[in-house]
Amino acid sequence: MKGQFYSLIAILVAVPIFMFTINYLSYTDSLGDMVSDRVISDQISQLVSSIELDTEKAIQIAGRRALLAATNEVLNSGKPLKNAVANLTTLMLTGTINNTEAFLMIDNTIPDWSERISSKSTSFDLELQYGNISVENNDGFSIRVGVDINISVTDKLERVKIEKFNERKYVDITVNGLEDPMFLLNTQGFIRRIIRTPEPSHVAMNVVTGGSYSGGSCAGEVTFNKSEVDNTKILVAENITGVVYARHLGIILADNDNLTSQVACSVTGNSSAVALVQAAIASGATEIYIDDSTQTAWSIPLETNIAERYYYRGAGPNFLQRLEGGNDTSPDGMFTFIYTPELEEQAFPVFDYSRVAYRYFAGEGDCYQVNNMPEWFGIDSADSDALNLTELLTATPCVVS
């Protein structure tokens, strides 16, 4: 009996241990599958993110090359594009423009990139599709390309699958560094202009408005050092104590003193003069112009960078319109100025139109001189407001050769 009793106890103890062991082994198998699925899911998720980044890079490269190829077509043919959006879309899809292969697009179309991405060596099954390509002006200095992409990634055992359908990707592609089709078309390719933007603002800035004793006109760099001897610079100071007038071209003074007989130009009587000039310099001003007619010290960035042929954001044809030879304005466009010495070098006649390039080529706008600007430069009131030059606009016609 004792033997049977102990056997029964052993069975009662063994059965739970056995059941626990069976359940534990089943649980660990299940847990292993869960961990494996989680690892695979993370790997697929990383792959999908990588594909999305690669796709954006592909759109960037294909779009930029399409812009270059379209500009080359305008240069080589001497004719504007009939439909810039359609041409750019075709270039990105087929690598052709006007049924001719574009060298720049070889192996760089969106299908080329899609194939390369899809053929990546991975341990997963990958499907990548694209469609619904759009091209539009963004902000005057970039083109926005939109593409729908479908991504499907599955592991070989089809246990984990991640899909994204109609994922819209937008990529902004700069036109900085490209040739301006407007100059190519309007000068038969003799004058070629690269689109570049300046660092400082192009808008004129009223720096210091003086009192009734202010007068004279001059321009130059500034100094805050009364002891500096440089009669090409304008002194900025609180008072005239210790000032030797012959050392300076002009003076901007906080005190309200009459210096018109002492220096070529002066702005006086503004107690914040020193701080205002310091702020202007901190914001990028390199030269100050003292204007007699407004009794004001100005910063006119346009005067120093106009010869650099920079482009500015504002009303004017955007890049797509320029590819089509248009002079219509876009609120999110760009503008630049003609440089008449450049026209004269190429034996082009110079007319008395506004020096804003798209208006000049359209034969529009009057040409009136602006204080402290070259004599050949001129705009009218329609242009001056946007440049903050209205107070400096004169009634004198610009010089025409």
Protein backbone atom coordinates (compact mmCIF):
# COMPACT_ATOMS: atom_id res chain seq x y z
CA MET A 1 0.00 0.00 0.00
CA LYS A 2 2.81 2.37 0.86
CA GLY A 3 4.36 1.74 -2.57
CA GLN A 4 1.08 2.50 -4.32
CA PHE A 5 0.63 5.61 -2.19
CA TYR A 6 4.07 6.97 -3.07
CA SER A 7 3.55 6.14 -6.76
CA LEU A 8 0.30 8.05 -6.73
CA ILE A 9 2.03 11.03 -5.16
CA ALA A 10 4.79 10.86 -7.79
CA ILE A 11 2.22 10.81 -10.56
CA LEU A 12 0.37 13.76 -9.07
CA VAL A 13 3.62 15.73 -8.92
CA ALA A 14 4.91 14.66 -12.34
CA VAL A 15 1.76 15.44 -14.29
CA PRO A 16 1.79 19.23 -13.55
CA ILE A 17 5.52 19.36 -14.23
CA PHE A 18 5.00 17.59 -17.52
CA MET A 19 2.11 19.89 -18.50
CA PHE A 20 4.17 22.93 -17.52
CA THR A 21 7.07 21.70 -19.64
CA ILE A 22 4.84 21.11 -22.66
CA ASN A 23 3.18 24.52 -22.32
CA TYR A 24 6.55 26.25 -21.79
CA LEU A 25 8.05 24.70 -24.92
CA SER A 26 4.94 25.71 -26.90
CA TYR A 27 5.14 29.25 -25.52
CA THR A 28 8.83 29.64 -26.31
CA ASP A 29 8.23 28.46 -29.88
CA SER A 30 5.45 31.02 -30.21
CA LEU A 31 7.61 33.70 -28.63
CA GLY A 32 10.41 32.86 -31.04
CA ASP A 33 8.04 33.31 -33.97
CA MET A 34 6.91 36.67 -32.58
CA VAL A 35 10.47 37.89 -32.14
CA SER A 36 11.37 36.69 -35.63
CA ASP A 37 8.36 38.48 -37.14
CA ARG A 38 9.23 41.66 -35.26
CA VAL A 39 12.81 41.60 -36.55
CA ILE A 40 11.63 40.99 -40.12
CA SER A 41 9.05 43.78 -39.78
CA ASP A 42 11.72 46.23 -38.58
CA GLN A 43 14.01 45.28 -41.46
CA ILE A 44 11.23 45.75 -44.01
CA SER A 45 10.27 49.09 -42.45
CA GLN A 46 13.88 50.30 -42.74
CA LEU A 47 13.99 49.13 -46.36
CA VAL A 48 10.78 51.03 -47.17
CA SER A 49 12.19 54.21 -45.59
CA SER A 50 15.39 53.78 -47.59
CA ILE A 51 13.40 53.33 -50.81
CA GLU A 52 11.43 56.50 -50.10
CA LEU A 53 14.65 58.49 -49.58
CA ASP A 54 16.21 57.00 -52.72
CA THR A 55 13.07 57.87 -54.68
CA GLU A 56 13.24 61.52 -53.57
CA LYS A 57 16.91 61.65 -54.60
CA ALA A 58 15.99 60.09 -57.96
CA ILE A 59 13.30 62.72 -58.56
CA GLN A 60 15.79 65.45 -57.62
CA ILE A 61 18.41 64.19 -60.09
CA ALA A 62 15.96 63.46 -62.91
CA GLY A 63 14.22 66.81 -62.43
CA ARG A 64 17.42 68.87 -62.37
CA ARG A 65 18.77 67.12 -65.47
CA ALA A 66 15.43 67.67 -67.21
CA LEU A 67 15.69 71.41 -66.51
CA LEU A 68 19.22 71.44 -67.94
CA ALA A 69 18.12 69.48 -71.02
CA ALA A 70 15.14 71.78 -71.60
CA THR A 71 17.37 74.87 -71.37
CA ASN A 72 19.84 73.29 -73.80
CA GLU A 73 16.99 72.70 -76.24
CA VAL A 74 16.09 76.40 -76.13
CA LEU A 75 19.75 77.34 -76.61
CA ASN A 76 20.35 74.95 -79.51
CA SER A 77 17.08 75.57 -81.34
CA GLY A 78 16.77 79.29 -80.62
CA LYS A 79 13.07 78.69 -80.05
CA PRO A 80 10.95 78.62 -76.89
CA LEU A 81 9.29 75.43 -75.71
CA LYS A 82 5.63 75.08 -76.59
CA ASN A 83 4.70 73.45 -73.29
CA ALA A 84 7.40 73.47 -70.63
CA VAL A 85 5.48 71.27 -68.18
CA ALA A 86 4.81 68.60 -70.81
CA ASN A 87 8.40 68.73 -72.07
CA LEU A 88 9.89 68.37 -68.59
CA THR A 89 7.52 65.51 -67.75
CA THR A 90 8.48 63.68 -70.95
CA LEU A 91 12.17 64.21 -70.24
CA MET A 92 11.83 62.67 -66.79
CA LEU A 93 9.84 59.72 -68.14
CA THR A 94 11.43 58.92 -71.49
CA GLY A 95 14.60 61.02 -71.64
CA THR A 96 13.49 62.72 -74.85
CA ILE A 97 12.46 66.21 -75.90
CA ASN A 98 10.69 66.89 -79.19
CA ASN A 99 11.22 63.20 -80.05
CA THR A 100 14.99 63.50 -79.67
CA GLU A 101 17.01 61.74 -77.00
CA ALA A 102 18.57 64.12 -74.49
CA PHE A 103 22.13 63.12 -73.64
CA LEU A 104 21.77 64.44 -70.10
CA MET A 105 18.89 62.05 -69.41
CA ILE A 106 20.62 58.80 -70.40
CA ASP A 107 20.21 56.39 -67.45
CA ASN A 108 18.73 59.23 -65.41
CA THR A 109 15.00 59.07 -66.06
CA ILE A 110 12.60 58.20 -63.27
CA PRO A 111 12.01 54.70 -64.80
CA ASP A 112 15.80 54.17 -64.87
CA TRP A 113 16.07 55.03 -61.21
CA SER A 114 13.00 52.96 -60.33
CA GLU A 115 14.53 49.93 -62.00
CA ARG A 116 17.81 50.39 -60.15
CA ILE A 117 16.03 50.74 -56.83
CA SER A 118 13.82 47.70 -57.51
CA SER A 119 16.83 45.57 -58.45
CA LYS A 120 18.59 46.17 -55.13
CA SER A 121 19.88 42.90 -53.72
CA THR A 122 17.74 42.17 -50.66
CA SER A 123 16.26 39.13 -48.96
CA PHE A 124 12.75 40.48 -49.60
CA ASP A 125 10.37 40.65 -52.54
CA LEU A 126 10.08 44.29 -53.66
CA GLU A 127 7.63 46.01 -55.99
CA LEU A 128 7.94 49.73 -56.81
CA GLN A 129 5.61 51.66 -59.09
CA TYR A 130 5.24 55.37 -59.84
CA GLY A 131 2.81 57.62 -61.70
CA ASN A 132 0.87 60.88 -61.84
CA ILE A 133 3.93 63.13 -62.32
CA SER A 134 3.29 66.86 -61.90
CA VAL A 135 5.55 69.85 -62.57
CA GLU A 136 4.81 73.36 -61.32
CA ASN A 137 6.48 76.58 -60.29
CA ASN A 138 7.16 76.69 -56.58
CA ASP A 139 8.60 80.03 -55.44
CA GLY A 140 10.26 81.52 -58.49
CA PHE A 141 13.63 79.96 -57.71
CA SER A 142 12.54 76.33 -57.65
CA ILE A 143 10.33 73.90 -59.52
CA ARG A 144 8.16 71.45 -57.59
CA VAL A 145 7.89 67.91 -58.95
CA GLY A 146 5.25 65.57 -57.54
CA VAL A 147 5.17 61.80 -58.04
CA ASP A 148 2.83 59.08 -56.69
CA ILE A 149 4.68 55.94 -55.62
CA ASN A 150 3.43 52.48 -54.65
CA ILE A 151 5.74 50.32 -52.52
CA SER A 152 5.20 46.69 -51.56
CA VAL A 153 7.82 44.69 -49.61
CA THR A 154 7.30 41.08 -48.44
CA ASP A 155 9.60 38.52 -46.85
CA LYS A 156 10.22 35.29 -48.77
CA LEU A 157 7.84 33.29 -46.54
CA GLU A 158 5.13 35.96 -46.90
CA ARG A 159 4.81 36.25 -43.14
CA VAL A 160 5.31 40.05 -43.03
CA LYS A 161 4.23 42.56 -45.68
CA ILE A 162 4.34 46.36 -45.75
CA GLU A 163 2.53 48.30 -48.48
CA LYS A 164 2.15 51.98 -49.27
CA PHE A 165 -0.17 53.06 -52.04
CA ASN A 166 -0.40 56.48 -53.73
CA GLU A 167 2.28 57.90 -51.46
CA ARG A 168 2.71 61.43 -52.86
CA LYS A 169 6.29 62.71 -52.92
CA TYR A 170 7.08 66.37 -53.62
CA VAL A 171 10.60 67.49 -54.39
CA ASP A 172 11.66 71.12 -54.87
CA ILE A 173 14.40 71.54 -57.46
CA THR A 174 16.35 74.79 -57.55
CA VAL A 175 16.93 76.72 -60.77
CA ASN A 176 19.94 78.50 -59.29
CA GLY A 177 22.92 77.94 -61.56
CA LEU A 178 20.80 77.42 -64.69
CA GLU A 179 20.89 79.68 -67.72
CA ASP A 180 17.99 82.08 -68.10
CA PRO A 181 16.09 81.17 -71.29
CA MET A 182 14.81 84.75 -71.56
CA PHE A 183 18.26 86.14 -72.35
CA LEU A 184 19.04 83.27 -74.73
CA LEU A 185 15.86 83.94 -76.71
CA ASN A 186 16.00 87.74 -76.71
CA THR A 187 19.68 88.08 -77.61
CA GLN A 188 19.96 85.11 -79.99
CA GLY A 189 22.27 83.48 -77.48
CA PHE A 190 24.86 86.30 -77.57
CA ILE A 191 24.18 87.23 -73.94
CA ARG A 192 23.97 84.33 -71.54
CA ARG A 193 22.84 84.93 -67.99
CA ILE A 194 23.20 82.46 -65.11
CA ILE A 195 20.52 82.63 -62.43
CA ARG A 196 22.11 83.61 -59.11
CA THR A 197 20.69 85.21 -55.98
CA PRO A 198 22.51 87.67 -53.68
CA GLU A 199 22.90 87.05 -49.98
CA PRO A 200 21.71 90.47 -48.74
CA SER A 201 18.34 91.94 -49.59
CA HIS A 202 18.02 93.91 -52.82
CA VAL A 203 15.50 96.34 -51.32
CA ALA A 204 16.76 99.84 -50.51
CA MET A 205 16.64 100.74 -46.82
CA ASN A 206 16.11 104.11 -45.18
CA VAL A 207 18.82 103.94 -42.52
CA VAL A 208 18.89 107.38 -40.87
CA THR A 209 16.54 110.29 -41.51
CA GLY A 210 18.16 113.57 -40.53
CA GLY A 211 17.02 117.01 -39.48
CA SER A 212 16.82 120.28 -41.40
CA TYR A 213 20.60 120.84 -41.23
CA SER A 214 21.27 117.72 -43.31
CA GLY A 215 22.44 118.20 -46.89
CA GLY A 216 24.65 117.12 -49.78
CA SER A 217 24.97 113.78 -51.51
CA CYS A 218 27.79 111.24 -51.35
CA ALA A 219 28.35 107.52 -50.90
CA GLY A 220 30.99 105.40 -49.28
CA GLU A 221 31.91 102.94 -46.57
CA VAL A 222 31.49 104.12 -43.00
CA THR A 223 33.85 104.46 -40.06
CA PHE A 224 33.11 105.03 -36.39
CA ASN A 225 36.69 106.10 -35.70
CA LYS A 226 37.11 109.91 -35.55
CA SER A 227 40.90 109.53 -35.82
CA GLU A 228 40.83 107.51 -39.03
CA VAL A 229 42.15 109.47 -42.01
CA ASP A 230 40.25 108.35 -45.11
CA ASN A 231 38.35 110.93 -47.10
CA THR A 232 36.50 108.20 -49.02
CA LYS A 233 34.60 107.15 -45.89
CA ILE A 234 31.63 108.58 -44.03
CA LEU A 235 32.13 109.15 -40.30
CA VAL A 236 29.34 108.06 -37.94
CA ALA A 237 29.48 109.71 -34.51
CA GLU A 238 27.47 111.04 -31.59
CA ASN A 239 29.01 114.56 -31.69
CA ILE A 240 31.69 116.64 -33.40
CA THR A 241 34.12 116.67 -30.49
CA GLY A 242 37.57 115.84 -31.86
CA VAL A 243 36.38 115.64 -35.49
CA VAL A 244 38.74 116.86 -38.23
CA TYR A 245 36.45 117.40 -41.20
CA ALA A 246 39.11 117.00 -43.87
CA ARG A 247 39.61 113.40 -42.83
CA HIS A 248 36.12 112.35 -43.90
CA LEU A 249 33.98 112.37 -47.03
CA GLY A 250 30.78 112.97 -45.07
CA ILE A 251 29.36 112.72 -41.58
CA ILE A 252 26.32 111.11 -39.97
CA LEU A 253 25.83 112.76 -36.59
CA ALA A 254 23.48 112.22 -33.67
CA ASP A 255 23.71 115.87 -32.61
CA ASN A 256 21.80 118.46 -34.64
CA ASP A 257 24.74 120.45 -36.05
CA ASN A 258 24.97 122.19 -39.41
CA LEU A 259 27.93 120.65 -41.25
CA THR A 260 26.95 121.47 -44.83
CA SER A 261 29.88 123.87 -45.24
CA GLN A 262 32.36 121.45 -43.67
CA VAL A 263 31.88 118.17 -45.60
CA ALA A 264 30.44 117.05 -48.92
CA CYS A 265 27.40 115.47 -47.32
CA SER A 266 25.89 115.10 -43.88
CA VAL A 267 22.89 113.74 -42.00
CA THR A 268 22.53 115.22 -38.54
CA GLY A 269 19.95 115.54 -35.79
CA ASN A 270 18.96 111.89 -35.28
CA SER A 271 19.81 110.75 -31.75
CA SER A 272 19.75 107.07 -32.81
CA ALA A 273 22.07 107.57 -35.78
CA VAL A 274 24.98 105.45 -34.54
CA ALA A 275 22.81 102.51 -33.52
CA LEU A 276 20.83 102.65 -36.78
CA VAL A 277 23.95 102.54 -38.94
CA GLN A 278 25.40 99.71 -36.84
CA ALA A 279 22.17 97.74 -37.35
CA ALA A 280 22.29 98.34 -41.11
CA ILE A 281 25.85 97.06 -41.30
CA ALA A 282 24.94 94.03 -39.21
CA SER A 283 22.17 93.24 -41.71
CA GLY A 284 24.58 93.29 -44.65
CA ALA A 285 24.97 96.91 -45.73
CA THR A 286 28.44 97.59 -47.12
CA GLU A 287 28.03 101.20 -48.21
CA ILE A 288 25.91 104.15 -47.12
CA TYR A 289 24.49 106.76 -49.48
CA ILE A 290 23.58 110.20 -48.12
CA ASP A 291 20.88 111.75 -50.29
CA ASP A 292 20.41 115.52 -50.40
CA SER A 293 16.83 115.48 -51.67
CA THR A 294 15.53 113.26 -48.86
CA GLN A 295 18.05 114.36 -46.17
CA THR A 296 18.46 110.68 -45.43
CA ALA A 297 21.21 108.07 -45.25
CA TRP A 298 20.33 105.02 -47.34
CA SER A 299 21.58 101.52 -47.93
CA ILE A 300 21.10 100.62 -51.62
CA PRO A 301 22.32 97.04 -52.20
CA LEU A 302 21.20 97.24 -55.81
CA GLU A 303 23.85 99.87 -56.52
CA THR A 304 26.71 97.59 -55.52
CA ASN A 305 25.45 94.28 -56.93
CA ILE A 306 23.74 95.28 -60.17
CA ALA A 307 26.90 94.53 -62.14
CA GLU A 308 26.80 91.00 -60.72
CA ARG A 309 23.59 90.32 -62.72
CA TYR A 310 21.77 88.85 -59.73
CA TYR A 311 18.16 87.62 -59.78
CA TYR A 312 15.52 88.57 -57.24
CA ARG A 313 12.32 86.96 -56.04
CA GLY A 314 9.17 88.88 -56.94
CA ALA A 315 6.75 89.68 -59.75
CA GLY A 316 8.10 88.48 -63.08
CA PRO A 317 8.06 85.40 -65.31
CA ASN A 318 8.91 82.21 -63.47
CA PHE A 319 11.34 79.69 -64.98
CA LEU A 320 8.63 77.67 -66.72
CA GLN A 321 7.30 80.84 -68.37
CA ARG A 322 10.84 81.79 -69.41
CA LEU A 323 11.30 78.41 -71.10
CA GLU A 324 8.20 79.23 -73.15
CA GLY A 325 9.47 82.70 -74.04
CA GLY A 326 6.80 84.44 -71.98
CA ASN A 327 6.95 87.91 -70.46
CA ASP A 328 3.82 87.53 -68.36
CA THR A 329 4.31 88.09 -64.66
CA SER A 330 3.83 85.54 -61.94
CA PRO A 331 3.45 86.64 -58.30
CA ASP A 332 5.92 83.88 -57.39
CA GLY A 333 8.37 84.68 -60.15
CA MET A 334 11.76 86.30 -60.50
CA PHE A 335 13.27 89.39 -62.03
CA THR A 336 16.65 90.78 -62.92
CA PHE A 337 17.97 93.83 -64.76
CA ILE A 338 19.57 94.27 -68.11
CA TYR A 339 23.13 95.53 -67.98
CA THR A 340 23.40 98.01 -70.83
CA PRO A 341 27.23 97.93 -71.06
CA GLU A 342 26.79 94.24 -71.84
CA LEU A 343 24.29 95.02 -74.61
CA GLU A 344 26.60 97.63 -76.08
CA GLU A 345 29.53 95.21 -76.09
CA GLN A 346 27.47 92.91 -78.32
CA ALA A 347 26.40 95.82 -80.57
CA PHE A 348 22.75 95.67 -79.49
CA PRO A 349 20.86 98.97 -79.59
CA VAL A 350 19.77 100.30 -76.19
CA PHE A 351 16.22 101.58 -75.82
CA ASP A 352 14.59 103.81 -73.21
CA TYR A 353 12.54 101.08 -71.54
CA SER A 354 12.59 100.05 -67.90
CA ARG A 355 15.81 98.22 -67.07
CA VAL A 356 13.84 95.40 -65.43
CA ALA A 357 14.74 92.71 -67.95
CA TYR A 358 11.35 91.16 -68.70
CA ARG A 359 9.80 94.63 -69.15
CA TYR A 360 12.72 95.81 -71.28
CA PHE A 361 12.46 92.83 -73.65
CA ALA A 362 8.71 93.40 -73.88
CA GLY A 363 9.29 97.09 -74.75
CA GLU A 364 7.50 98.26 -71.61
CA GLY A 365 8.04 100.77 -68.83
CA ASP A 366 9.61 104.22 -68.69
CA CYS A 367 13.26 104.67 -67.83
CA TYR A 368 13.94 107.31 -65.18
CA GLN A 369 17.20 107.64 -63.32
CA VAL A 370 17.55 106.79 -59.64
CA ASN A 371 19.81 108.75 -57.30
CA ASN A 372 23.17 107.05 -56.69
CA MET A 373 22.63 104.59 -59.54
CA PRO A 374 24.45 104.52 -62.92
CA GLU A 375 23.10 106.93 -65.53
CA TRP A 376 22.12 104.09 -67.84
CA PHE A 377 19.98 102.50 -65.12
CA GLY A 378 16.34 103.48 -64.96
CA ILE A 379 12.91 102.29 -63.82
CA ASP A 380 9.47 103.79 -63.40
CA SER A 381 7.02 104.01 -60.51
CA ALA A 382 5.68 100.53 -61.23
CA ASP A 383 9.10 99.10 -60.38
CA SER A 384 10.28 101.56 -57.74
CA ASP A 385 7.76 100.60 -55.04
CA ALA A 386 8.89 96.98 -54.95
CA LEU A 387 12.52 98.11 -54.64
CA ASN A 388 11.78 100.88 -52.09
CA LEU A 389 13.35 103.39 -54.48
CA THR A 390 10.33 105.66 -54.95
CA GLU A 391 11.83 108.49 -52.87
CA LEU A 392 15.05 108.29 -54.89
CA LEU A 393 13.37 108.11 -58.31
CA THR A 394 14.00 111.23 -60.42
CA ALA A 395 12.29 112.76 -63.44
CA THR A 396 15.53 112.54 -65.46
CA PRO A 397 15.41 110.02 -68.33
CA CYS A 398 18.12 107.40 -68.24
CA VAL A 399 21.02 107.72 -70.67
CA VAL A 400 20.51 105.84 -73.93
CA SER A 401 23.44 105.22 -76.25
